[in-house]
Amino acid sequence: MGLEEEIQELEDEIASTPYNKSTEAHIGRLKSKLAEKKEKLEQQASSGGGGGYGVEKHGDATVALVGFPSVGKSTLLNALTNAESETGAYEFTTLDVYPGMLKYKGANIQILDVPGLIEGAAGGRGGGKEVLSVVRTADLIVFLISVFEIDQYDRLSEELYKNKIRLDQDPPWVNVRKKGKDGISVNTATGVELDDETVKAVLREHGYVNADVTIGEQIDIDQLIDGVMDNRVYLPSLVAVNKADLIEPDYLPKVEDELRERDIDPDEAIFISAEEEKGLDSLTERIWDELGLIRIYMDKPGRGVDREEPLILREGDTVDDACEKLGGSFDERFRFARVTGPSAKHDEQQVGRDHELADEDILRIVANR
């Protein structure tokens, strides 16, 4: 029996096994075997050669436009950036990855128009593996779906999940530490419903014989496997609904209901028309917010505050992160910094490397000569 047949057999057994406490450990073992066999099949496929899409990351952040063929990604890219991605009213117009640069609030945000995903992309159909490898490197995923086909979201998100991309969630709090003897010991936080035998069954299927396992939050079997395999990518996402200019007012409630069915708040989705360039300001602002970018205005000796070309950092970044991005010899020469703005208690506050910066702070680095 080949790997694909074994995978299908495991999927069938999982689907036919009722889930309850008495079957939990068994299902955990089956799902672990399934994950390992899918990993092996993927490795076999990648070793067979064939190129991917080599896209070099540029700018302050990278956004991947994900959508089915002919949903309007190329048109949107051209409207947002300086790119010239070929457009056409037929499927598979885009046969390569086209990057463009969105300039917003002083930041350079790389937008990638990837070839339209089709069902089975995670399994390699339509060059899907190569497309998904590009998506995994992005900082944010923008789903572009047609206002007349909201169910496209289901298929797209499923393909990303199969390719180990987890959307809008944090990595599970699972820590596995190998040891030399004494088998597998499990330590779980209060409220964790997975029993120890289930956890041990999953660990054994992944080759662990002696290990200390700590689970710090309520998770399910799939999240446990994600935490053990440790090769998942966790990315934020947002949904843009294209061709909104073509719908009649009485059709809008149906669209909103279909979004809610997929746990998408209609007020959080961005309704746009890439063709008519409507709603793009709202989309750009949401991209900025979801990326968590902040502007830092550098106070340069003898030249004053530079508000034209801010230093672009991420929420939570510190003075140390600013020094690292500035490069040069700041690391060795740094004495202290002065900050004026939202993160400072007062103007010209003297701070150290660990001071957390905020959007539109003014930063002056004081360094040894």
Protein backbone atom coordinates (compact mmCIF):
# COMPACT_ATOMS: atom_id res chain seq x y z
CA MET A 1 0.00 0.00 0.00
CA GLY A 2 1.37 3.42 -0.98
CA LEU A 3 1.49 6.47 1.26
CA GLU A 4 -1.54 8.09 -0.36
CA GLU A 5 -3.64 4.97 0.24
CA GLU A 6 -2.42 4.77 3.86
CA ILE A 7 -3.36 8.43 4.37
CA GLN A 8 -6.83 7.84 2.93
CA GLU A 9 -7.30 4.78 5.14
CA LEU A 10 -6.35 6.76 8.26
CA GLU A 11 -8.66 9.64 7.30
CA ASP A 12 -11.53 7.20 6.79
CA GLU A 13 -10.92 5.56 10.18
CA ILE A 14 -10.78 8.93 11.96
CA ALA A 15 -14.02 10.02 10.27
CA SER A 16 -15.81 6.80 11.25
CA THR A 17 -14.62 6.72 14.89
CA PRO A 18 -16.98 8.50 17.34
CA TYR A 19 -15.11 10.94 19.57
CA ASN A 20 -15.47 10.47 23.31
CA LYS A 21 -13.23 10.01 26.33
CA SER A 22 -12.77 6.30 25.72
CA THR A 23 -11.68 6.82 22.07
CA GLU A 24 -9.67 10.01 22.62
CA ALA A 25 -6.25 8.33 22.93
CA HIS A 26 -6.96 6.11 19.91
CA ILE A 27 -7.96 9.12 17.78
CA GLY A 28 -4.87 10.93 19.00
CA ARG A 29 -2.69 8.09 17.74
CA LEU A 30 -4.50 7.99 14.40
CA LYS A 31 -4.16 11.75 13.89
CA SER A 32 -0.48 11.61 14.84
CA LYS A 33 0.14 8.81 12.33
CA LEU A 34 -1.74 10.82 9.71
CA ALA A 35 0.36 13.93 10.33
CA GLU A 36 3.60 11.94 10.10
CA LYS A 37 2.57 10.21 6.85
CA LYS A 38 1.50 13.52 5.27
CA GLU A 39 4.87 14.96 6.26
CA LYS A 40 6.64 12.00 4.63
CA LEU A 41 4.56 12.33 1.45
CA GLU A 42 5.37 16.04 1.27
CA GLN A 43 9.10 15.33 1.67
CA GLN A 44 8.93 12.77 -1.13
CA ALA A 45 7.18 15.29 -3.39
CA SER A 46 9.74 18.03 -2.66
CA SER A 47 12.68 15.70 -3.29
CA GLY A 48 11.36 15.06 -6.81
CA GLY A 49 12.70 18.41 -7.95
CA GLY A 50 10.71 21.19 -9.58
CA GLY A 51 11.17 24.85 -8.82
CA GLY A 52 9.26 27.00 -6.46
CA TYR A 53 8.68 30.70 -6.68
CA GLY A 54 11.80 32.50 -5.51
CA VAL A 55 10.50 35.81 -4.19
CA GLU A 56 12.93 37.91 -2.21
CA LYS A 57 11.36 39.79 0.68
CA HIS A 58 11.73 43.56 0.54
CA GLY A 59 10.40 46.46 2.55
CA ASP A 60 9.10 46.60 6.09
CA ALA A 61 6.53 43.79 5.81
CA THR A 62 5.11 41.32 3.28
CA VAL A 63 1.45 40.66 2.48
CA ALA A 64 0.21 37.71 0.39
CA LEU A 65 -2.98 38.10 -1.65
CA VAL A 66 -4.70 34.71 -1.54
CA GLY A 67 -7.63 33.90 -3.80
CA PHE A 68 -9.00 31.69 -6.50
CA PRO A 69 -8.15 32.34 -10.15
CA SER A 70 -9.69 35.49 -11.63
CA VAL A 71 -11.00 36.89 -8.36
CA GLY A 72 -9.17 40.16 -9.06
CA LYS A 73 -5.82 39.86 -7.26
CA SER A 74 -3.79 41.29 -10.14
CA THR A 75 -6.18 44.21 -10.54
CA LEU A 76 -5.98 44.91 -6.80
CA LEU A 77 -2.18 44.70 -6.77
CA ASN A 78 -1.95 47.20 -9.63
CA ALA A 79 -4.37 49.55 -7.85
CA LEU A 80 -2.47 49.43 -4.54
CA THR A 81 1.11 49.47 -5.80
CA ASN A 82 3.47 50.30 -8.61
CA ALA A 83 3.41 46.73 -9.94
CA GLU A 84 2.22 45.74 -13.38
CA SER A 85 0.72 42.29 -12.94
CA GLU A 86 -1.00 40.96 -16.04
CA THR A 87 -4.77 40.95 -15.76
CA GLY A 88 -7.42 39.16 -17.78
CA ALA A 89 -10.99 37.92 -17.50
CA TYR A 90 -10.06 34.25 -17.56
CA GLU A 91 -8.51 31.78 -15.15
CA PHE A 92 -4.79 31.39 -14.51
CA THR A 93 -3.74 34.75 -15.93
CA THR A 94 -1.06 34.99 -13.25
CA LEU A 95 1.45 32.18 -13.76
CA ASP A 96 4.21 33.61 -11.57
CA VAL A 97 4.40 35.56 -8.32
CA TYR A 98 4.26 39.30 -8.89
CA PRO A 99 5.49 41.63 -6.14
CA GLY A 100 4.47 45.25 -5.76
CA MET A 101 5.29 47.88 -3.15
CA LEU A 102 2.57 49.68 -1.23
CA LYS A 103 3.87 52.94 0.25
CA TYR A 104 1.84 54.00 3.25
CA LYS A 105 2.62 56.21 6.26
CA GLY A 106 6.30 56.09 5.38
CA ALA A 107 6.38 52.28 5.26
CA ASN A 108 7.18 50.06 2.29
CA ILE A 109 4.79 47.11 2.36
CA GLN A 110 5.48 44.36 -0.17
CA ILE A 111 2.31 42.91 -1.69
CA LEU A 112 2.57 39.53 -3.42
CA ASP A 113 0.06 38.53 -6.08
CA VAL A 114 0.39 34.74 -6.04
CA PRO A 115 -1.12 32.44 -8.66
CA GLY A 116 -4.76 31.63 -8.00
CA LEU A 117 -5.18 28.76 -5.57
CA ILE A 118 -7.38 25.85 -6.53
CA GLU A 119 -8.73 22.97 -4.48
CA GLY A 120 -6.01 20.43 -3.86
CA ALA A 121 -3.26 23.08 -3.80
CA ALA A 122 -1.77 21.66 -0.59
CA GLY A 123 -1.48 18.33 -2.38
CA GLY A 124 0.34 19.88 -5.30
CA ARG A 125 -2.43 20.58 -7.82
CA GLY A 126 -1.91 23.62 -10.05
CA GLY A 127 1.53 24.33 -8.63
CA GLY A 128 -0.15 24.76 -5.26
CA LYS A 129 2.83 23.64 -3.19
CA GLU A 130 5.00 26.38 -4.68
CA VAL A 131 2.27 28.98 -4.18
CA LEU A 132 1.74 27.97 -0.56
CA SER A 133 5.48 28.05 0.16
CA VAL A 134 5.41 31.75 -0.74
CA VAL A 135 2.34 32.37 1.43
CA ARG A 136 4.09 30.83 4.45
CA THR A 137 6.79 33.53 4.35
CA ALA A 138 4.32 36.44 4.50
CA ASP A 139 3.56 38.57 7.56
CA LEU A 140 -0.15 38.88 6.74
CA ILE A 141 -2.60 37.03 4.50
CA VAL A 142 -5.34 38.94 2.69
CA PHE A 143 -8.12 36.67 1.47
CA LEU A 144 -9.64 38.13 -1.67
CA ILE A 145 -13.03 36.55 -2.35
CA SER A 146 -15.84 37.38 -4.73
CA VAL A 147 -18.97 38.90 -3.24
CA PHE A 148 -20.93 36.29 -5.22
CA GLU A 149 -18.88 33.33 -3.95
CA ILE A 150 -18.29 33.77 -0.22
CA ASP A 151 -17.83 29.99 0.07
CA GLN A 152 -14.44 30.46 -1.62
CA TYR A 153 -13.18 31.30 1.88
CA ASP A 154 -13.89 27.75 3.10
CA ARG A 155 -11.77 26.13 0.43
CA LEU A 156 -8.95 28.65 0.67
CA SER A 157 -8.64 28.43 4.46
CA GLU A 158 -8.74 24.62 4.27
CA GLU A 159 -5.86 24.57 1.76
CA LEU A 160 -3.80 26.83 4.04
CA TYR A 161 -4.57 24.65 7.06
CA LYS A 162 -3.44 21.54 5.18
CA ASN A 163 -0.18 23.33 4.43
CA LYS A 164 0.44 23.94 8.16
CA ILE A 165 -0.63 27.60 8.10
CA ARG A 166 -2.65 28.51 11.20
CA LEU A 167 -4.66 31.71 10.92
CA ASP A 168 -5.41 34.27 13.61
CA GLN A 169 -4.23 32.16 16.54
CA ASP A 170 -1.21 31.90 18.76
CA PRO A 171 0.98 28.78 18.90
CA PRO A 172 -0.35 26.31 21.50
CA TRP A 173 1.38 26.38 24.86
CA VAL A 174 3.05 22.98 24.53
CA ASN A 175 6.61 22.32 25.65
CA VAL A 176 8.35 18.98 25.07
CA ARG A 177 11.77 18.31 26.58
CA LYS A 178 13.57 15.05 25.87
CA LYS A 179 15.26 13.23 28.74
CA GLY A 180 17.34 10.10 29.12
CA LYS A 181 15.00 7.80 31.09
CA ASP A 182 11.77 7.40 33.09
CA GLY A 183 9.36 7.46 30.14
CA ILE A 184 6.93 10.30 29.38
CA SER A 185 5.68 12.53 32.20
CA VAL A 186 2.83 14.99 31.63
CA ASN A 187 2.21 18.23 33.46
CA THR A 188 -0.98 20.12 32.56
CA ALA A 189 -2.44 23.40 33.71
CA THR A 190 -5.80 23.55 35.50
CA GLY A 191 -8.68 23.16 33.06
CA VAL A 192 -6.84 21.11 30.42
CA GLU A 193 -9.24 18.36 29.36
CA LEU A 194 -6.83 16.09 27.46
CA ASP A 195 -5.95 13.18 29.72
CA ASP A 196 -2.37 12.04 30.27
CA GLU A 197 -2.77 8.80 28.30
CA THR A 198 -3.92 10.71 25.21
CA VAL A 199 -0.93 13.05 25.46
CA LYS A 200 1.45 10.11 25.91
CA ALA A 201 -0.11 8.28 22.93
CA VAL A 202 0.45 11.29 20.69
CA LEU A 203 4.04 11.73 21.87
CA ARG A 204 4.87 8.05 21.28
CA GLU A 205 3.53 8.21 17.72
CA HIS A 206 5.97 11.06 17.12
CA GLY A 207 8.92 9.02 18.33
CA TYR A 208 9.21 10.19 21.94
CA VAL A 209 10.12 7.55 24.52
CA ASN A 210 11.42 9.66 27.41
CA ALA A 211 10.23 13.26 27.71
CA ASP A 212 8.73 15.88 30.01
CA VAL A 213 5.61 17.45 28.47
CA THR A 214 4.06 20.67 29.74
CA ILE A 215 0.68 21.91 28.49
CA GLY A 216 -0.17 25.37 29.78
CA GLU A 217 -3.65 25.92 28.34
CA GLN A 218 -6.79 24.16 27.14
CA ILE A 219 -6.07 22.64 23.71
CA ASP A 220 -7.50 19.87 21.53
CA ILE A 221 -5.71 16.91 19.93
CA ASP A 222 -4.98 18.79 16.70
CA GLN A 223 -3.37 21.66 18.62
CA LEU A 224 -1.33 19.16 20.64
CA ILE A 225 -0.01 17.64 17.41
CA ASP A 226 0.75 21.14 16.08
CA GLY A 227 2.74 21.89 19.23
CA VAL A 228 4.66 18.61 19.09
CA MET A 229 5.53 18.87 15.37
CA ASP A 230 6.61 22.50 15.75
CA ASN A 231 6.61 23.27 12.00
CA ARG A 232 3.40 25.27 11.78
CA VAL A 233 3.27 28.93 10.73
CA TYR A 234 0.96 31.29 12.64
CA LEU A 235 -0.22 34.28 10.61
CA PRO A 236 -2.84 37.02 10.94
CA SER A 237 -5.38 37.42 8.17
CA LEU A 238 -8.14 39.67 6.94
CA VAL A 239 -10.91 39.27 4.37
CA ALA A 240 -11.50 41.59 1.42
CA VAL A 241 -14.74 41.06 -0.50
CA ASN A 242 -14.25 42.10 -4.11
CA LYS A 243 -16.76 43.22 -6.78
CA ALA A 244 -18.91 44.85 -4.10
CA ASP A 245 -19.93 47.51 -6.63
CA LEU A 246 -21.88 44.88 -8.58
CA ILE A 247 -24.29 43.79 -5.85
CA GLU A 248 -27.80 45.17 -5.34
CA PRO A 249 -28.69 46.56 -1.88
CA ASP A 250 -31.19 43.75 -1.24
CA TYR A 251 -28.44 41.15 -1.82
CA LEU A 252 -26.18 42.54 0.91
CA PRO A 253 -27.95 40.81 3.87
CA LYS A 254 -27.35 37.43 2.19
CA VAL A 255 -23.64 38.23 1.84
CA GLU A 256 -23.44 39.29 5.49
CA ASP A 257 -25.19 36.09 6.63
CA GLU A 258 -22.74 33.97 4.62
CA LEU A 259 -19.81 35.79 6.24
CA ARG A 260 -21.23 35.22 9.73
CA GLU A 261 -21.60 31.50 8.97
CA ARG A 262 -17.82 31.47 8.58
CA ASP A 263 -17.21 33.43 11.81
CA ILE A 264 -16.32 36.53 9.81
CA ASP A 265 -17.83 39.71 11.23
CA PRO A 266 -19.29 41.63 8.24
CA ASP A 267 -18.11 44.85 9.90
CA GLU A 268 -14.55 43.45 9.98
CA ALA A 269 -14.56 42.37 6.31
CA ILE A 270 -13.54 45.07 3.83
CA PHE A 271 -15.87 45.48 0.87
CA ILE A 272 -13.98 46.72 -2.17
CA SER A 273 -14.02 47.04 -5.94
CA ALA A 274 -10.52 46.52 -7.30
CA GLU A 275 -11.73 47.42 -10.79
CA GLU A 276 -13.35 50.69 -9.68
CA GLU A 277 -10.70 51.33 -6.97
CA LYS A 278 -13.35 51.69 -4.27
CA GLY A 279 -12.74 50.81 -0.62
CA LEU A 280 -8.96 50.68 -1.09
CA ASP A 281 -8.25 53.33 1.56
CA SER A 282 -10.05 51.22 4.17
CA LEU A 283 -8.19 48.12 3.02
CA THR A 284 -4.83 49.88 3.23
CA GLU A 285 -5.55 51.14 6.75
CA ARG A 286 -6.56 47.64 7.88
CA ILE A 287 -3.41 46.13 6.39
CA TRP A 288 -1.37 48.66 8.40
CA ASP A 289 -3.28 47.85 11.60
CA GLU A 290 -3.05 44.08 11.18
CA LEU A 291 0.69 44.23 10.52
CA GLY A 292 1.15 46.16 13.77
CA LEU A 293 3.58 48.64 12.24
CA ILE A 294 4.66 51.79 14.05
CA ARG A 295 6.50 54.95 12.91
CA ILE A 296 9.50 56.23 14.83
CA TYR A 297 10.75 59.71 13.92
CA MET A 298 14.49 59.95 14.35
CA ASP A 299 15.94 63.10 15.92
CA LYS A 300 19.18 63.46 14.00
CA PRO A 301 21.98 65.63 15.43
CA GLY A 302 22.20 68.91 13.57
CA ARG A 303 19.31 68.04 11.25
CA GLY A 304 16.29 67.89 13.56
CA VAL A 305 13.41 65.45 13.50
CA ASP A 306 12.96 63.48 10.25
CA ARG A 307 9.21 63.05 9.72
CA GLU A 308 9.50 62.30 6.01
CA GLU A 309 11.21 58.90 6.30
CA PRO A 310 10.31 57.35 9.65
CA LEU A 311 11.96 54.21 10.99
CA ILE A 312 9.32 51.47 10.68
CA LEU A 313 9.13 49.00 13.57
CA ARG A 314 6.52 46.61 15.04
CA GLU A 315 4.30 47.07 18.07
CA GLY A 316 6.23 45.92 21.12
CA ASP A 317 9.63 46.78 19.64
CA THR A 318 12.19 48.49 21.87
CA VAL A 319 15.03 50.99 21.54
CA ASP A 320 17.29 47.96 21.10
CA ASP A 321 15.23 46.86 18.06
CA ALA A 322 15.54 50.38 16.66
CA CYS A 323 19.33 50.28 17.04
CA GLU A 324 19.44 46.89 15.33
CA LYS A 325 17.41 48.15 12.36
CA LEU A 326 19.48 51.31 12.09
CA GLY A 327 22.60 49.16 11.86
CA GLY A 328 26.04 50.69 11.89
CA SER A 329 27.97 50.82 15.14
CA PHE A 330 25.09 51.82 17.45
CA ASP A 331 25.26 48.49 19.24
CA GLU A 332 28.78 49.09 20.59
CA ARG A 333 28.55 52.88 20.94
CA PHE A 334 25.09 53.15 22.55
CA ARG A 335 24.95 55.16 25.79
CA PHE A 336 21.26 55.97 26.20
CA ALA A 337 18.31 57.33 24.24
CA ARG A 338 15.85 60.18 24.63
CA VAL A 339 12.20 59.69 23.73
CA THR A 340 9.38 62.18 23.24
CA GLY A 341 5.90 60.93 22.41
CA PRO A 342 3.22 58.41 23.41
CA SER A 343 5.61 55.97 25.13
CA ALA A 344 7.41 58.65 27.18
CA LYS A 345 6.44 59.92 30.61
CA HIS A 346 7.65 63.36 29.62
CA ASP A 347 9.47 65.04 26.74
CA GLU A 348 13.09 64.00 26.25
CA GLN A 349 12.75 61.11 28.71
CA GLN A 350 16.07 59.31 29.09
CA VAL A 351 15.63 55.58 28.48
CA GLY A 352 17.69 52.44 27.99
CA ARG A 353 17.67 49.70 25.39
CA ASP A 354 14.64 47.91 26.84
CA HIS A 355 12.26 50.87 26.57
CA GLU A 356 9.20 49.88 24.49
CA LEU A 357 8.44 52.37 21.73
CA ALA A 358 5.05 53.49 20.39
CA ASP A 359 3.71 54.85 17.12
CA GLU A 360 4.99 58.37 16.32
CA ASP A 361 7.58 58.49 19.09
CA ILE A 362 10.53 60.81 18.51
CA LEU A 363 13.78 58.99 19.25
CA ARG A 364 17.28 60.37 19.70
CA ILE A 365 20.18 57.95 20.18
CA VAL A 366 23.05 59.26 22.30
CA ALA A 367 26.20 57.31 21.48
CA ASN A 368 29.87 57.38 22.37
CA ARG A 369 32.12 58.86 19.73
